[in-house]
Amino acid sequence: QVQLVESGGGLVQAGGSLRLSCAASGSIFRLYTMGWFRQAPGNQRELVASITNSDNTNYADSGKGRFTISRDNAKNTVYLQMNSLKPEDTAVYYCAAKRIWAPNFDSWGQGTQVTVSS
């Protein structure tokens, strides 16, 4: 199983930007689809974006046009660039991974807090 460590969260004003990073270790990174999820207080965890090992991306409607997911297989790292942040983007953001043949994400990072002030 792959181990995931997120970084890059913090406090930002509305309209600002943040880039989250997730470093993976312990397995062959290129065999994994990677994703970013978020969970706000009182809400269920939701998918923000995902990227396959062939760089096919998928975004939740909430982030389309503002968020960009990317991966660097040489660095075993996945990124989430978040622009034009809104207060409703405030949440704990989790990196996740699943083997390319698996149906569900089954490896999770510890989460990083993103707070957007109005």
N, C-alpha and C. Protein backbone atom coordinates (compact mmCIF):
# COMPACT_ATOMS: atom_id res chain seq x y z
N GLN A 1 0.85 -1.18 0.00
CA GLN A 1 0.00 0.00 0.00
C GLN A 1 0.89 1.24 0.00
N VAL A 2 0.39 2.29 -0.62
CA VAL A 2 1.18 3.50 -0.74
C VAL A 2 0.93 4.39 0.48
N GLN A 3 1.97 5.10 0.91
CA GLN A 3 1.85 6.08 1.99
C GLN A 3 1.81 7.48 1.37
N LEU A 4 0.94 8.32 1.93
CA LEU A 4 0.70 9.64 1.35
C LEU A 4 0.88 10.72 2.42
N VAL A 5 1.59 11.79 2.06
CA VAL A 5 1.80 12.90 2.97
C VAL A 5 1.49 14.19 2.23
N GLU A 6 0.48 14.92 2.74
CA GLU A 6 0.09 16.18 2.12
C GLU A 6 0.83 17.36 2.73
N SER A 7 0.92 18.42 1.97
CA SER A 7 1.47 19.69 2.47
C SER A 7 0.89 20.81 1.63
N GLY A 8 1.03 22.04 2.15
CA GLY A 8 0.65 23.20 1.37
C GLY A 8 -0.63 23.88 1.79
N GLY A 9 -1.33 23.34 2.77
CA GLY A 9 -2.54 24.00 3.23
C GLY A 9 -2.21 25.27 4.00
N GLY A 10 -3.25 26.01 4.35
CA GLY A 10 -3.04 27.22 5.12
C GLY A 10 -4.24 28.14 5.05
N LEU A 11 -4.00 29.37 5.47
CA LEU A 11 -5.03 30.41 5.49
C LEU A 11 -4.79 31.37 4.33
N VAL A 12 -5.84 31.63 3.57
CA VAL A 12 -5.72 32.53 2.43
C VAL A 12 -6.99 33.35 2.32
N GLN A 13 -6.87 34.53 1.79
CA GLN A 13 -8.05 35.37 1.58
C GLN A 13 -8.81 34.92 0.33
N ALA A 14 -10.09 35.21 0.32
CA ALA A 14 -10.90 34.90 -0.86
C ALA A 14 -10.27 35.53 -2.10
N GLY A 15 -10.24 34.74 -3.17
CA GLY A 15 -9.62 35.19 -4.40
C GLY A 15 -8.17 34.79 -4.54
N GLY A 16 -7.60 34.30 -3.44
CA GLY A 16 -6.21 33.89 -3.46
C GLY A 16 -6.01 32.49 -4.00
N SER A 17 -4.76 32.04 -3.91
CA SER A 17 -4.38 30.74 -4.46
C SER A 17 -3.57 29.94 -3.44
N LEU A 18 -3.65 28.66 -3.56
CA LEU A 18 -2.82 27.72 -2.81
C LEU A 18 -2.49 26.55 -3.71
N ARG A 19 -1.32 25.95 -3.46
CA ARG A 19 -0.98 24.70 -4.13
C ARG A 19 -0.73 23.64 -3.09
N LEU A 20 -1.50 22.58 -3.18
CA LEU A 20 -1.31 21.44 -2.30
C LEU A 20 -0.42 20.42 -2.99
N SER A 21 0.39 19.77 -2.18
CA SER A 21 1.26 18.71 -2.69
C SER A 21 1.01 17.44 -1.89
N CYS A 22 1.21 16.32 -2.53
CA CYS A 22 1.06 15.02 -1.87
C CYS A 22 2.19 14.12 -2.34
N ALA A 23 3.06 13.77 -1.42
CA ALA A 23 4.18 12.90 -1.73
C ALA A 23 3.81 11.46 -1.41
N ALA A 24 4.05 10.58 -2.36
CA ALA A 24 3.71 9.17 -2.20
C ALA A 24 4.98 8.35 -2.05
N SER A 25 4.88 7.29 -1.27
CA SER A 25 6.01 6.38 -1.10
C SER A 25 5.51 4.98 -0.82
N GLY A 26 6.38 4.01 -1.02
CA GLY A 26 6.06 2.66 -0.62
C GLY A 26 5.51 1.77 -1.71
N SER A 27 5.29 2.33 -2.89
CA SER A 27 4.77 1.50 -3.96
C SER A 27 5.08 2.18 -5.29
N ILE A 28 4.66 1.58 -6.37
CA ILE A 28 4.97 2.10 -7.69
C ILE A 28 3.94 3.16 -8.05
N PHE A 29 4.36 4.42 -8.00
CA PHE A 29 3.44 5.54 -8.13
C PHE A 29 2.66 5.50 -9.44
N ARG A 30 3.32 5.10 -10.51
CA ARG A 30 2.67 5.16 -11.82
C ARG A 30 1.55 4.13 -11.97
N LEU A 31 1.41 3.25 -11.00
CA LEU A 31 0.33 2.27 -11.05
C LEU A 31 -0.93 2.76 -10.32
N TYR A 32 -0.89 4.00 -9.89
CA TYR A 32 -1.99 4.53 -9.08
C TYR A 32 -2.72 5.67 -9.78
N THR A 33 -4.03 5.68 -9.65
CA THR A 33 -4.83 6.87 -9.88
C THR A 33 -4.82 7.67 -8.58
N MET A 34 -4.61 8.96 -8.71
CA MET A 34 -4.51 9.82 -7.54
C MET A 34 -5.70 10.78 -7.49
N GLY A 35 -6.07 11.13 -6.28
CA GLY A 35 -7.19 12.05 -6.14
C GLY A 35 -7.01 12.98 -4.96
N TRP A 36 -7.77 14.06 -5.03
CA TRP A 36 -7.89 14.99 -3.89
C TRP A 36 -9.36 15.02 -3.47
N PHE A 37 -9.59 14.86 -2.19
CA PHE A 37 -10.91 14.95 -1.60
C PHE A 37 -10.88 16.07 -0.58
N ARG A 38 -12.07 16.51 -0.17
CA ARG A 38 -12.14 17.47 0.92
C ARG A 38 -13.35 17.17 1.79
N GLN A 39 -13.24 17.62 3.03
CA GLN A 39 -14.33 17.45 3.98
C GLN A 39 -14.44 18.68 4.84
N ALA A 40 -15.58 19.33 4.75
CA ALA A 40 -15.87 20.48 5.59
C ALA A 40 -16.66 20.01 6.80
N PRO A 41 -16.62 20.75 7.90
CA PRO A 41 -17.36 20.34 9.11
C PRO A 41 -18.83 20.12 8.80
N GLY A 42 -19.33 18.97 9.24
CA GLY A 42 -20.73 18.64 9.04
C GLY A 42 -21.06 18.09 7.68
N ASN A 43 -20.06 18.02 6.80
CA ASN A 43 -20.29 17.53 5.44
C ASN A 43 -19.59 16.19 5.22
N GLN A 44 -20.05 15.48 4.21
CA GLN A 44 -19.37 14.26 3.82
C GLN A 44 -18.11 14.58 3.02
N ARG A 45 -17.19 13.65 3.04
CA ARG A 45 -16.00 13.80 2.22
C ARG A 45 -16.41 13.74 0.75
N GLU A 46 -15.87 14.65 -0.06
CA GLU A 46 -16.24 14.70 -1.47
C GLU A 46 -15.00 14.76 -2.35
N LEU A 47 -15.13 14.18 -3.52
CA LEU A 47 -14.04 14.21 -4.48
C LEU A 47 -13.92 15.62 -5.06
N VAL A 48 -12.69 16.11 -5.11
CA VAL A 48 -12.40 17.41 -5.72
C VAL A 48 -11.88 17.22 -7.14
N ALA A 49 -10.92 16.31 -7.27
CA ALA A 49 -10.31 16.07 -8.58
C ALA A 49 -9.55 14.75 -8.53
N SER A 50 -9.38 14.15 -9.70
CA SER A 50 -8.58 12.93 -9.78
C SER A 50 -7.78 12.94 -11.08
N ILE A 51 -6.73 12.14 -11.07
CA ILE A 51 -5.87 12.04 -12.25
C ILE A 51 -5.38 10.61 -12.39
N THR A 52 -5.51 10.05 -13.57
CA THR A 52 -5.09 8.68 -13.81
C THR A 52 -3.59 8.62 -14.11
N ASN A 53 -3.10 7.42 -14.27
CA ASN A 53 -1.67 7.26 -14.58
C ASN A 53 -1.35 7.70 -16.00
N SER A 54 -2.39 7.92 -16.82
CA SER A 54 -2.18 8.46 -18.17
C SER A 54 -2.60 9.92 -18.26
N ASP A 55 -2.71 10.56 -17.09
CA ASP A 55 -2.98 12.00 -16.98
C ASP A 55 -4.38 12.41 -17.42
N ASN A 56 -5.31 11.48 -17.42
CA ASN A 56 -6.71 11.86 -17.61
C ASN A 56 -7.22 12.44 -16.30
N THR A 57 -7.86 13.58 -16.38
CA THR A 57 -8.31 14.27 -15.18
C THR A 57 -9.84 14.34 -15.10
N ASN A 58 -10.29 14.48 -13.88
CA ASN A 58 -11.72 14.60 -13.61
C ASN A 58 -11.89 15.59 -12.47
N TYR A 59 -12.86 16.49 -12.61
CA TYR A 59 -13.07 17.52 -11.60
C TYR A 59 -14.52 17.56 -11.15
N ALA A 60 -14.70 17.81 -9.87
CA ALA A 60 -16.04 18.14 -9.39
C ALA A 60 -16.44 19.50 -9.94
N ASP A 61 -17.74 19.70 -10.11
CA ASP A 61 -18.21 20.97 -10.66
C ASP A 61 -17.74 22.16 -9.84
N SER A 62 -17.60 21.96 -8.54
CA SER A 62 -17.22 23.07 -7.64
C SER A 62 -15.84 23.63 -7.96
N GLY A 63 -14.99 22.81 -8.56
CA GLY A 63 -13.62 23.26 -8.82
C GLY A 63 -13.27 23.49 -10.27
N LYS A 64 -14.18 23.17 -11.16
CA LYS A 64 -13.89 23.32 -12.59
C LYS A 64 -13.57 24.76 -12.93
N GLY A 65 -12.48 24.94 -13.67
CA GLY A 65 -12.05 26.28 -14.06
C GLY A 65 -11.22 26.99 -13.02
N ARG A 66 -11.18 26.47 -11.79
CA ARG A 66 -10.39 27.10 -10.72
C ARG A 66 -9.29 26.20 -10.21
N PHE A 67 -9.52 24.88 -10.21
CA PHE A 67 -8.55 23.93 -9.66
C PHE A 67 -7.90 23.14 -10.80
N THR A 68 -6.64 22.82 -10.60
CA THR A 68 -5.93 21.98 -11.57
C THR A 68 -5.15 20.90 -10.82
N ILE A 69 -5.41 19.65 -11.19
CA ILE A 69 -4.66 18.54 -10.61
C ILE A 69 -3.58 18.13 -11.61
N SER A 70 -2.42 17.79 -11.07
CA SER A 70 -1.32 17.33 -11.92
C SER A 70 -0.47 16.36 -11.12
N ARG A 71 0.38 15.63 -11.83
CA ARG A 71 1.24 14.67 -11.15
C ARG A 71 2.62 14.70 -11.80
N ASP A 72 3.62 14.41 -10.99
CA ASP A 72 5.00 14.29 -11.45
C ASP A 72 5.45 12.89 -11.04
N ASN A 73 5.44 11.97 -11.98
CA ASN A 73 5.77 10.58 -11.67
C ASN A 73 7.23 10.42 -11.26
N ALA A 74 8.10 11.31 -11.74
CA ALA A 74 9.51 11.23 -11.36
C ALA A 74 9.69 11.59 -9.89
N LYS A 75 8.80 12.41 -9.35
CA LYS A 75 8.89 12.84 -7.95
C LYS A 75 7.86 12.14 -7.07
N ASN A 76 7.08 11.23 -7.64
CA ASN A 76 6.04 10.53 -6.87
C ASN A 76 5.13 11.51 -6.14
N THR A 77 4.74 12.55 -6.84
CA THR A 77 3.99 13.64 -6.21
C THR A 77 2.81 14.03 -7.08
N VAL A 78 1.70 14.33 -6.41
CA VAL A 78 0.52 14.87 -7.06
C VAL A 78 0.24 16.24 -6.46
N TYR A 79 -0.25 17.14 -7.30
CA TYR A 79 -0.48 18.51 -6.89
C TYR A 79 -1.94 18.90 -7.12
N LEU A 80 -2.39 19.88 -6.35
CA LEU A 80 -3.67 20.51 -6.61
C LEU A 80 -3.46 22.01 -6.53
N GLN A 81 -3.50 22.65 -7.69
CA GLN A 81 -3.41 24.10 -7.75
C GLN A 81 -4.81 24.66 -7.63
N MET A 82 -5.01 25.51 -6.64
CA MET A 82 -6.33 26.08 -6.38
C MET A 82 -6.25 27.59 -6.53
N ASN A 83 -7.00 28.11 -7.48
CA ASN A 83 -7.05 29.55 -7.73
C ASN A 83 -8.45 30.09 -7.45
N SER A 84 -8.54 31.40 -7.33
CA SER A 84 -9.84 32.06 -7.09
C SER A 84 -10.59 31.39 -5.95
N LEU A 85 -9.90 31.18 -4.86
CA LEU A 85 -10.49 30.46 -3.74
C LEU A 85 -11.65 31.22 -3.12
N LYS A 86 -12.63 30.46 -2.65
CA LYS A 86 -13.84 31.00 -2.05
C LYS A 86 -13.95 30.50 -0.61
N PRO A 87 -14.66 31.23 0.24
CA PRO A 87 -14.84 30.73 1.62
C PRO A 87 -15.42 29.32 1.67
N GLU A 88 -16.25 28.97 0.72
CA GLU A 88 -16.84 27.63 0.72
C GLU A 88 -15.85 26.54 0.34
N ASP A 89 -14.65 26.91 -0.05
CA ASP A 89 -13.60 25.92 -0.28
C ASP A 89 -12.91 25.51 1.02
N THR A 90 -13.25 26.16 2.11
CA THR A 90 -12.66 25.83 3.39
C THR A 90 -12.99 24.40 3.78
N ALA A 91 -11.97 23.62 4.06
CA ALA A 91 -12.14 22.20 4.37
C ALA A 91 -10.78 21.59 4.69
N VAL A 92 -10.83 20.37 5.18
CA VAL A 92 -9.61 19.56 5.23
C VAL A 92 -9.51 18.82 3.90
N TYR A 93 -8.36 18.96 3.27
CA TYR A 93 -8.13 18.34 1.96
C TYR A 93 -7.27 17.09 2.14
N TYR A 94 -7.73 16.01 1.54
CA TYR A 94 -7.07 14.72 1.67
C TYR A 94 -6.57 14.25 0.31
N CYS A 95 -5.37 13.76 0.30
CA CYS A 95 -4.84 13.06 -0.87
C CYS A 95 -5.25 11.59 -0.78
N ALA A 96 -5.55 11.00 -1.92
CA ALA A 96 -5.97 9.60 -1.94
C ALA A 96 -5.39 8.90 -3.15
N ALA A 97 -5.30 7.59 -3.04
CA ALA A 97 -4.73 6.79 -4.14
C ALA A 97 -5.49 5.48 -4.28
N LYS A 98 -5.54 5.00 -5.52
CA LYS A 98 -6.05 3.65 -5.75
C LYS A 98 -5.28 3.05 -6.92
N ARG A 99 -5.06 1.78 -6.86
CA ARG A 99 -4.43 1.11 -7.99
C ARG A 99 -5.32 1.28 -9.22
N ILE A 100 -4.72 1.34 -10.36
CA ILE A 100 -5.47 1.69 -11.57
C ILE A 100 -6.60 0.71 -11.86
N TRP A 101 -6.51 -0.53 -11.33
CA TRP A 101 -7.55 -1.52 -11.59
C TRP A 101 -8.58 -1.60 -10.46
N ALA A 102 -8.36 -0.80 -9.39
CA ALA A 102 -9.23 -0.87 -8.22
C ALA A 102 -10.45 0.05 -8.40
N PRO A 103 -11.58 -0.34 -7.81
CA PRO A 103 -12.78 0.48 -7.97
C PRO A 103 -12.82 1.72 -7.07
N ASN A 104 -12.18 1.65 -5.91
CA ASN A 104 -12.30 2.72 -4.94
C ASN A 104 -10.93 3.16 -4.43
N PHE A 105 -10.85 4.41 -4.02
CA PHE A 105 -9.65 4.92 -3.36
C PHE A 105 -9.51 4.22 -2.01
N ASP A 106 -8.32 3.71 -1.73
CA ASP A 106 -8.13 2.94 -0.50
C ASP A 106 -6.89 3.33 0.28
N SER A 107 -6.17 4.32 -0.17
CA SER A 107 -5.05 4.86 0.60
C SER A 107 -5.29 6.35 0.79
N TRP A 108 -5.04 6.82 2.01
CA TRP A 108 -5.38 8.20 2.35
C TRP A 108 -4.24 8.87 3.11
N GLY A 109 -4.08 10.15 2.85
CA GLY A 109 -3.17 10.94 3.66
C GLY A 109 -3.85 11.41 4.91
N GLN A 110 -3.09 12.17 5.72
CA GLN A 110 -3.62 12.62 7.01
C GLN A 110 -4.48 13.87 6.88
N GLY A 111 -4.40 14.53 5.74
CA GLY A 111 -5.20 15.73 5.53
C GLY A 111 -4.44 17.00 5.81
N THR A 112 -4.81 18.06 5.11
CA THR A 112 -4.23 19.38 5.34
C THR A 112 -5.35 20.41 5.31
N GLN A 113 -5.34 21.30 6.27
CA GLN A 113 -6.41 22.28 6.42
C GLN A 113 -6.23 23.43 5.44
N VAL A 114 -7.31 23.76 4.75
CA VAL A 114 -7.37 24.94 3.90
C VAL A 114 -8.49 25.83 4.44
N THR A 115 -8.15 27.06 4.77
CA THR A 115 -9.12 28.02 5.28
C THR A 115 -9.09 29.26 4.41
N VAL A 116 -10.26 29.60 3.88
CA VAL A 116 -10.38 30.76 3.01
C VAL A 116 -11.23 31.80 3.74
N SER A 117 -10.65 32.95 4.01
CA SER A 117 -11.36 34.00 4.72
C SER A 117 -12.03 34.95 3.73
N SER A 118 -13.16 35.48 4.16
CA SER A 118 -13.91 36.39 3.28
C SER A 118 -13.48 37.83 3.46
